[in-house]
PDB file of N, CA and C in Angstrom:
ATOM      1  N   UNK A   1     137.148  59.734 132.423  1.00  0.00           N
ATOM      2  CA  UNK A   1     138.069  60.413 131.538  1.00  0.00           C
ATOM      3  C   UNK A   1     137.402  61.663 130.969  1.00  0.00           C
ATOM      4  N   UNK A   2     138.104  62.760 131.021  1.00  0.00           N
ATOM      5  CA  UNK A   2     137.566  64.026 130.546  1.00  0.00           C
ATOM      6  C   UNK A   2     138.166  64.348 129.175  1.00  0.00           C
ATOM      7  N   UNK A   3     137.330  64.763 128.264  1.00  0.00           N
ATOM      8  CA  UNK A   3     137.769  65.112 126.911  1.00  0.00           C
ATOM      9  C   UNK A   3     138.043  66.607 126.839  1.00  0.00           C
ATOM     10  N   UNK A   4     139.153  67.001 126.214  1.00  0.00           N
ATOM     11  CA  UNK A   4     139.527  68.413 126.078  1.00  0.00           C
ATOM     12  C   UNK A   4     139.068  68.937 124.720  1.00  0.00           C
ATOM     13  N   UNK A   5     137.981  69.683 124.721  1.00  0.00           N
ATOM     14  CA  UNK A   5     137.427  70.236 123.486  1.00  0.00           C
ATOM     15  C   UNK A   5     138.256  71.399 122.943  1.00  0.00           C
ATOM     16  N   UNK A   6     139.233  71.871 123.711  1.00  0.00           N
ATOM     17  CA  UNK A   6     140.087  72.974 123.263  1.00  0.00           C
ATOM     18  C   UNK A   6     141.426  72.494 122.702  1.00  0.00           C
ATOM     19  N   UNK A   7     141.706  71.206 122.807  1.00  0.00           N
ATOM     20  CA  UNK A   7     142.959  70.657 122.287  1.00  0.00           C
ATOM     21  C   UNK A   7     142.919  70.629 120.762  1.00  0.00           C
ATOM     22  N   UNK A   8     144.079  70.686 120.153  1.00  0.00           N
ATOM     23  CA  UNK A   8     144.167  70.567 118.699  1.00  0.00           C
ATOM     24  C   UNK A   8     143.707  69.191 118.252  1.00  0.00           C
ATOM     25  N   UNK A   9     143.273  69.096 117.004  1.00  0.00           N
ATOM     26  CA  UNK A   9     142.750  67.822 116.502  1.00  0.00           C
ATOM     27  C   UNK A   9     143.052  67.647 115.026  1.00  0.00           C
ATOM     28  N   UNK A  10     143.103  66.391 114.622  1.00  0.00           N
ATOM     29  CA  UNK A  10     143.256  66.029 113.220  1.00  0.00           C
ATOM     30  C   UNK A  10     142.085  65.127 112.854  1.00  0.00           C
ATOM     31  N   UNK A  11     141.519  65.376 111.685  1.00  0.00           N
ATOM     32  CA  UNK A  11     140.393  64.584 111.207  1.00  0.00           C
ATOM     33  C   UNK A  11     140.819  63.885 109.924  1.00  0.00           C
ATOM     34  N   UNK A  12     140.756  62.568 109.959  1.00  0.00           N
ATOM     35  CA  UNK A  12     141.138  61.747 108.821  1.00  0.00           C
ATOM     36  C   UNK A  12     139.885  61.147 108.194  1.00  0.00           C
ATOM     37  N   UNK A  13     139.668  61.372 106.908  1.00  0.00           N
ATOM     38  CA  UNK A  13     138.495  60.792 106.252  1.00  0.00           C
ATOM     39  C   UNK A  13     138.734  59.311 105.982  1.00  0.00           C
ATOM     40  N   UNK A  14     137.676  58.558 105.738  1.00  0.00           N
ATOM     41  CA  UNK A  14     137.877  57.146 105.387  1.00  0.00           C
ATOM     42  C   UNK A  14     138.506  57.040 104.005  1.00  0.00           C
ATOM     43  N   UNK A  15     139.147  55.936 103.758  1.00  0.00           N
ATOM     44  CA  UNK A  15     139.732  55.701 102.430  1.00  0.00           C
ATOM     45  C   UNK A  15     138.696  54.976 101.590  1.00  0.00           C
ATOM     46  N   UNK A  16     138.072  55.710 100.715  1.00  0.00           N
ATOM     47  CA  UNK A  16     137.065  55.132  99.828  1.00  0.00           C
ATOM     48  C   UNK A  16     137.520  55.372  98.400  1.00  0.00           C
ATOM     49  N   UNK A  17     137.729  54.307  97.688  1.00  0.00           N
ATOM     50  CA  UNK A  17     138.120  54.460  96.290  1.00  0.00           C
ATOM     51  C   UNK A  17     136.915  54.895  95.473  1.00  0.00           C
ATOM     52  N   UNK A  18     137.197  55.720  94.479  1.00  0.00           N
ATOM     53  CA  UNK A  18     136.164  56.214  93.566  1.00  0.00           C
ATOM     54  C   UNK A  18     135.030  56.905  94.316  1.00  0.00           C
ATOM     55  N   UNK A  19     135.386  57.659  95.334  1.00  0.00           N
ATOM     56  CA  UNK A  19     134.388  58.381  96.113  1.00  0.00           C
ATOM     57  C   UNK A  19     134.016  59.689  95.430  1.00  0.00           C
ATOM     58  N   UNK A  20     132.730  60.035  95.426  1.00  0.00           N
ATOM     59  CA  UNK A  20     132.331  61.328  94.883  1.00  0.00           C
ATOM     60  C   UNK A  20     132.663  62.473  95.842  1.00  0.00           C
ATOM     61  N   UNK A  21     133.237  62.156  97.001  1.00  0.00           N
ATOM     62  CA  UNK A  21     133.504  63.162  98.027  1.00  0.00           C
ATOM     63  C   UNK A  21     134.993  63.483  98.127  1.00  0.00           C
ATOM     64  N   UNK A  22     135.675  63.632  97.014  1.00  0.00           N
ATOM     65  CA  UNK A  22     137.105  63.889  97.009  1.00  0.00           C
ATOM     66  C   UNK A  22     137.470  65.208  97.695  1.00  0.00           C
ATOM     67  N   UNK A  23     136.542  66.121  97.815  1.00  0.00           N
ATOM     68  CA  UNK A  23     136.857  67.416  98.424  1.00  0.00           C
ATOM     69  C   UNK A  23     137.040  67.315  99.939  1.00  0.00           C
ATOM     70  N   UNK A  24     136.666  66.184 100.524  1.00  0.00           N
ATOM     71  CA  UNK A  24     136.844  65.990 101.959  1.00  0.00           C
ATOM     72  C   UNK A  24     138.099  65.177 102.201  1.00  0.00           C
ATOM     73  N   UNK A  25     139.150  65.857 102.599  1.00  0.00           N
ATOM     74  CA  UNK A  25     140.410  65.191 102.875  1.00  0.00           C
ATOM     75  C   UNK A  25     140.824  65.442 104.312  1.00  0.00           C
ATOM     76  N   UNK A  26     142.073  65.131 104.599  1.00  0.00           N
ATOM     77  CA  UNK A  26     142.641  65.350 105.927  1.00  0.00           C
ATOM     78  C   UNK A  26     142.505  66.827 106.301  1.00  0.00           C
ATOM     79  N   UNK A  27     142.122  67.074 107.556  1.00  0.00           N
ATOM     80  CA  UNK A  27     142.024  68.451 108.048  1.00  0.00           C
ATOM     81  C   UNK A  27     142.614  68.517 109.451  1.00  0.00           C
ATOM     82  N   UNK A  28     143.253  69.640 109.729  1.00  0.00           N
ATOM     83  CA  UNK A  28     143.788  69.904 111.061  1.00  0.00           C
ATOM     84  C   UNK A  28     143.004  71.081 111.640  1.00  0.00           C
ATOM     85  N   UNK A  29     142.658  70.982 112.920  1.00  0.00           N
ATOM     86  CA  UNK A  29     141.871  72.005 113.591  1.00  0.00           C
ATOM     87  C   UNK A  29     142.586  72.463 114.858  1.00  0.00           C
ATOM     88  N   UNK A  30     142.493  73.756 115.165  1.00  0.00           N
ATOM     89  CA  UNK A  30     143.101  74.296 116.379  1.00  0.00           C
ATOM     90  C   UNK A  30     142.364  73.798 117.623  1.00  0.00           C
ATOM     91  N   UNK A  31     141.060  73.572 117.485  1.00  0.00           N
ATOM     92  CA  UNK A  31     140.249  73.072 118.609  1.00  0.00           C
ATOM     93  C   UNK A  31     139.498  71.822 118.172  1.00  0.00           C
ATOM     94  N   UNK A  32     139.510  70.829 119.020  1.00  0.00           N
ATOM     95  CA  UNK A  32     138.804  69.589 118.691  1.00  0.00           C
ATOM     96  C   UNK A  32     137.305  69.820 118.564  1.00  0.00           C
ATOM     97  N   UNK A  33     136.747  70.785 119.282  1.00  0.00           N
ATOM     98  CA  UNK A  33     135.321  71.079 119.161  1.00  0.00           C
ATOM     99  C   UNK A  33     134.966  71.473 117.732  1.00  0.00           C
ATOM    100  N   UNK A  34     135.840  72.226 117.081  1.00  0.00           N
ATOM    101  CA  UNK A  34     135.596  72.612 115.685  1.00  0.00           C
ATOM    102  C   UNK A  34     135.668  71.400 114.760  1.00  0.00           C
ATOM    103  N   UNK A  35     136.592  70.495 115.039  1.00  0.00           N
ATOM    104  CA  UNK A  35     136.711  69.274 114.231  1.00  0.00           C
ATOM    105  C   UNK A  35     135.476  68.398 114.387  1.00  0.00           C
ATOM    106  N   UNK A  36     134.985  68.294 115.606  1.00  0.00           N
ATOM    107  CA  UNK A  36     133.791  67.484 115.874  1.00  0.00           C
ATOM    108  C   UNK A  36     132.584  68.081 115.166  1.00  0.00           C
ATOM    109  N   UNK A  37     132.441  69.385 115.285  1.00  0.00           N
ATOM    110  CA  UNK A  37     131.299  70.029 114.625  1.00  0.00           C
ATOM    111  C   UNK A  37     131.391  69.850 113.110  1.00  0.00           C
ATOM    112  N   UNK A  38     132.570  70.006 112.542  1.00  0.00           N
ATOM    113  CA  UNK A  38     132.744  69.801 111.106  1.00  0.00           C
ATOM    114  C   UNK A  38     132.367  68.375 110.719  1.00  0.00           C
ATOM    115  N   UNK A  39     132.856  67.403 111.472  1.00  0.00           N
ATOM    116  CA  UNK A  39     132.589  65.999 111.152  1.00  0.00           C
ATOM    117  C   UNK A  39     131.089  65.698 111.173  1.00  0.00           C
ATOM    118  N   UNK A  40     130.378  66.201 112.135  1.00  0.00           N
ATOM    119  CA  UNK A  40     128.943  65.906 112.266  1.00  0.00           C
ATOM    120  C   UNK A  40     128.110  66.722 111.296  1.00  0.00           C
ATOM    121  N   UNK A  41     128.429  67.996 111.148  1.00  0.00           N
ATOM    122  CA  UNK A  41     127.568  68.896 110.379  1.00  0.00           C
ATOM    123  C   UNK A  41     127.945  69.015 108.904  1.00  0.00           C
ATOM    124  N   UNK A  42     129.199  68.731 108.555  1.00  0.00           N
ATOM    125  CA  UNK A  42     129.643  68.944 107.179  1.00  0.00           C
ATOM    126  C   UNK A  42     129.902  67.656 106.395  1.00  0.00           C
ATOM    127  N   UNK A  43     130.412  66.644 107.058  1.00  0.00           N
ATOM    128  CA  UNK A  43     130.718  65.396 106.353  1.00  0.00           C
ATOM    129  C   UNK A  43     129.437  64.641 105.997  1.00  0.00           C
ATOM    130  N   UNK A  44     129.376  64.072 104.828  1.00  0.00           N
ATOM    131  CA  UNK A  44     128.253  63.188 104.509  1.00  0.00           C
ATOM    132  C   UNK A  44     128.255  62.008 105.487  1.00  0.00           C
ATOM    133  N   UNK A  45     127.086  61.533 105.897  1.00  0.00           N
ATOM    134  CA  UNK A  45     127.017  60.457 106.903  1.00  0.00           C
ATOM    135  C   UNK A  45     127.864  59.226 106.573  1.00  0.00           C
ATOM    136  N   UNK A  46     127.959  58.867 105.297  1.00  0.00           N
ATOM    137  CA  UNK A  46     128.749  57.685 104.943  1.00  0.00           C
ATOM    138  C   UNK A  46     130.249  57.908 105.158  1.00  0.00           C
ATOM    139  N   UNK A  47     130.701  59.158 105.138  1.00  0.00           N
ATOM    140  CA  UNK A  47     132.101  59.448 105.424  1.00  0.00           C
ATOM    141  C   UNK A  47     132.365  59.490 106.921  1.00  0.00           C
ATOM    142  N   UNK A  48     131.377  59.918 107.698  1.00  0.00           N
ATOM    143  CA  UNK A  48     131.539  59.962 109.148  1.00  0.00           C
ATOM    144  C   UNK A  48     131.772  58.562 109.712  1.00  0.00           C
ATOM    145  N   UNK A  49     131.129  57.558 109.135  1.00  0.00           N
ATOM    146  CA  UNK A  49     131.264  56.187 109.633  1.00  0.00           C
ATOM    147  C   UNK A  49     132.713  55.715 109.667  1.00  0.00           C
ATOM    148  N   UNK A  50     133.496  56.105 108.683  1.00  0.00           N
ATOM    149  CA  UNK A  50     134.886  55.660 108.630  1.00  0.00           C
ATOM    150  C   UNK A  50     135.895  56.711 109.039  1.00  0.00           C
ATOM    151  N   UNK A  51     135.439  57.891 109.421  1.00  0.00           N
ATOM    152  CA  UNK A  51     136.348  58.978 109.789  1.00  0.00           C
ATOM    153  C   UNK A  51     137.009  58.693 111.136  1.00  0.00           C
ATOM    154  N   UNK A  52     138.211  59.220 111.295  1.00  0.00           N
ATOM    155  CA  UNK A  52     138.957  59.092 112.546  1.00  0.00           C
ATOM    156  C   UNK A  52     139.346  60.491 113.015  1.00  0.00           C
ATOM    157  N   UNK A  53     139.038  60.773 114.263  1.00  0.00           N
ATOM    158  CA  UNK A  53     139.425  62.022 114.904  1.00  0.00           C
ATOM    159  C   UNK A  53     140.555  61.691 115.873  1.00  0.00           C
ATOM    160  N   UNK A  54     141.673  62.403 115.747  1.00  0.00           N
ATOM    161  CA  UNK A  54     142.784  62.174 116.663  1.00  0.00           C
ATOM    162  C   UNK A  54     143.018  63.422 117.492  1.00  0.00           C
ATOM    163  N   UNK A  55     142.964  63.240 118.813  1.00  0.00           N
ATOM    164  CA  UNK A  55     143.135  64.337 119.766  1.00  0.00           C
ATOM    165  C   UNK A  55     144.076  63.851 120.863  1.00  0.00           C
ATOM    166  N   UNK A  56     145.180  64.554 121.040  1.00  0.00           N
ATOM    167  CA  UNK A  56     146.159  64.230 122.075  1.00  0.00           C
ATOM    168  C   UNK A  56     146.543  62.754 122.071  1.00  0.00           C
ATOM    169  N   UNK A  57     146.774  62.197 120.892  1.00  0.00           N
ATOM    170  CA  UNK A  57     147.209  60.824 120.766  1.00  0.00           C
ATOM    171  C   UNK A  57     146.110  59.775 120.857  1.00  0.00           C
ATOM    172  N   UNK A  58     144.895  60.181 121.154  1.00  0.00           N
ATOM    173  CA  UNK A  58     143.754  59.257 121.231  1.00  0.00           C
ATOM    174  C   UNK A  58     142.967  59.335 119.934  1.00  0.00           C
ATOM    175  N   UNK A  59     142.434  58.204 119.508  1.00  0.00           N
ATOM    176  CA  UNK A  59     141.648  58.154 118.270  1.00  0.00           C
ATOM    177  C   UNK A  59     140.188  57.869 118.586  1.00  0.00           C
ATOM    178  N   UNK A  60     139.313  58.547 117.849  1.00  0.00           N
ATOM    179  CA  UNK A  60     137.868  58.404 118.017  1.00  0.00           C
ATOM    180  C   UNK A  60     137.253  58.136 116.651  1.00  0.00           C
ATOM    181  N   UNK A  61     136.382  57.134 116.588  1.00  0.00           N
ATOM    182  CA  UNK A  61     135.719  56.760 115.338  1.00  0.00           C
ATOM    183  C   UNK A  61     134.344  57.413 115.257  1.00  0.00           C
ATOM    184  N   UNK A  62     133.599  57.132 114.184  1.00  0.00           N
ATOM    185  CA  UNK A  62     132.311  57.762 113.902  1.00  0.00           C
ATOM    186  C   UNK A  62     131.347  57.849 115.066  1.00  0.00           C
ATOM    187  N   UNK A  63     131.037  56.718 115.723  1.00  0.00           N
ATOM    188  CA  UNK A  63     130.097  56.739 116.853  1.00  0.00           C
ATOM    189  C   UNK A  63     130.647  57.524 118.031  1.00  0.00           C
ATOM    190  N   UNK A  64     131.958  57.438 118.249  1.00  0.00           N
ATOM    191  CA  UNK A  64     132.589  58.194 119.335  1.00  0.00           C
ATOM    192  C   UNK A  64     132.501  59.694 119.065  1.00  0.00           C
ATOM    193  N   UNK A  65     132.704  60.075 117.813  1.00  0.00           N
ATOM    194  CA  UNK A  65     132.615  61.485 117.431  1.00  0.00           C
ATOM    195  C   UNK A  65     131.197  61.994 117.691  1.00  0.00           C
ATOM    196  N   UNK A  66     130.209  61.190 117.353  1.00  0.00           N
ATOM    197  CA  UNK A  66     128.804  61.568 117.589  1.00  0.00           C
ATOM    198  C   UNK A  66     128.546  61.744 119.084  1.00  0.00           C
ATOM    199  N   UNK A  67     129.075  60.855 119.918  1.00  0.00           N
ATOM    200  CA  UNK A  67     128.889  60.967 121.371  1.00  0.00           C
ATOM    201  C   UNK A  67     129.539  62.244 121.911  1.00  0.00           C
ATOM    202  N   UNK A  68     130.716  62.576 121.398  1.00  0.00           N
ATOM    203  CA  UNK A  68     131.375  63.811 121.829  1.00  0.00           C
ATOM    204  C   UNK A  68     130.552  65.030 121.440  1.00  0.00           C
ATOM    205  N   UNK A  69     129.951  64.984 120.272  1.00  0.00           N
ATOM    206  CA  UNK A  69     129.110  66.091 119.790  1.00  0.00           C
ATOM    207  C   UNK A  69     127.843  66.217 120.640  1.00  0.00           C
ATOM    208  N   UNK A  70     127.253  65.095 121.008  1.00  0.00           N
ATOM    209  CA  UNK A  70     126.009  65.089 121.778  1.00  0.00           C
ATOM    210  C   UNK A  70     126.215  65.349 123.266  1.00  0.00           C
ATOM    211  N   UNK A  71     127.456  65.331 123.724  1.00  0.00           N
ATOM    212  CA  UNK A  71     127.766  65.512 125.136  1.00  0.00           C
ATOM    213  C   UNK A  71     127.342  66.893 125.639  1.00  0.00           C
ATOM    214  N   UNK A  72     126.954  66.945 126.891  1.00  0.00           N
ATOM    215  CA  UNK A  72     126.614  68.229 127.522  1.00  0.00           C
ATOM    216  C   UNK A  72     127.844  69.131 127.626  1.00  0.00           C
ATOM    217  N   UNK A  73     129.034  68.545 127.566  1.00  0.00           N
ATOM    218  CA  UNK A  73     130.277  69.330 127.642  1.00  0.00           C
ATOM    219  C   UNK A  73     130.628  70.030 126.332  1.00  0.00           C
ATOM    220  N   UNK A  74     129.974  69.644 125.248  1.00  0.00           N
ATOM    221  CA  UNK A  74     130.231  70.275 123.946  1.00  0.00           C
ATOM    222  C   UNK A  74     129.662  71.689 123.991  1.00  0.00           C
ATOM    223  N   UNK A  75     130.551  72.694 123.937  1.00  0.00           N
ATOM    224  CA  UNK A  75     130.152  74.077 124.206  1.00  0.00           C
ATOM    225  C   UNK A  75     129.764  74.876 122.966  1.00  0.00           C
ATOM    226  N   UNK A  76     130.023  74.372 121.764  1.00  0.00           N
ATOM    227  CA  UNK A  76     129.704  75.136 120.564  1.00  0.00           C
ATOM    228  C   UNK A  76     128.224  75.021 120.231  1.00  0.00           C
ATOM    229  N   UNK A  77     127.736  76.009 119.524  1.00  0.00           N
ATOM    230  CA  UNK A  77     126.344  75.975 119.074  1.00  0.00           C
ATOM    231  C   UNK A  77     126.227  74.913 117.998  1.00  0.00           C
ATOM    232  N   UNK A  78     125.252  74.042 118.154  1.00  0.00           N
ATOM    233  CA  UNK A  78     125.049  72.972 117.184  1.00  0.00           C
ATOM    234  C   UNK A  78     124.199  73.477 116.027  1.00  0.00           C
ATOM    235  N   UNK A  79     124.469  72.951 114.842  1.00  0.00           N
ATOM    236  CA  UNK A  79     123.704  73.320 113.660  1.00  0.00           C
ATOM    237  C   UNK A  79     122.340  72.667 113.673  1.00  0.00           C
ATOM    238  N   UNK A  80     121.401  73.255 112.977  1.00  0.00           N
ATOM    239  CA  UNK A  80     120.030  72.741 112.940  1.00  0.00           C
ATOM    240  C   UNK A  80     119.946  71.386 112.234  1.00  0.00           C
ATOM    241  N   UNK A  81     120.833  71.153 111.254  1.00  0.00           N
ATOM    242  CA  UNK A  81     120.766  69.921 110.472  1.00  0.00           C
ATOM    243  C   UNK A  81     121.399  68.724 111.172  1.00  0.00           C
ATOM    244  N   UNK A  82     122.168  68.943 112.213  1.00  0.00           N
ATOM    245  CA  UNK A  82     122.883  67.852 112.871  1.00  0.00           C
ATOM    246  C   UNK A  82     121.920  67.035 113.679  1.00  0.00           C
TER     247      UNK A  82
END
């Protein structure tokens, strides 16, 4: 199965009550590659664990998002902190 890094994507944060990370909410991205990079490089690690990425009707969880980011097919420049 081939993943389309240019397809639109939605990123859903985990539902954590009383979270200090209220600024991270639902986000829509024109390209799934941008959503993946945001999830890995911008989200705190504890939020990535429960985050859901939806691309073309398929859902990907934290470990799946990390695998997509680490893939050789991921064409964006990765951040130094990731």
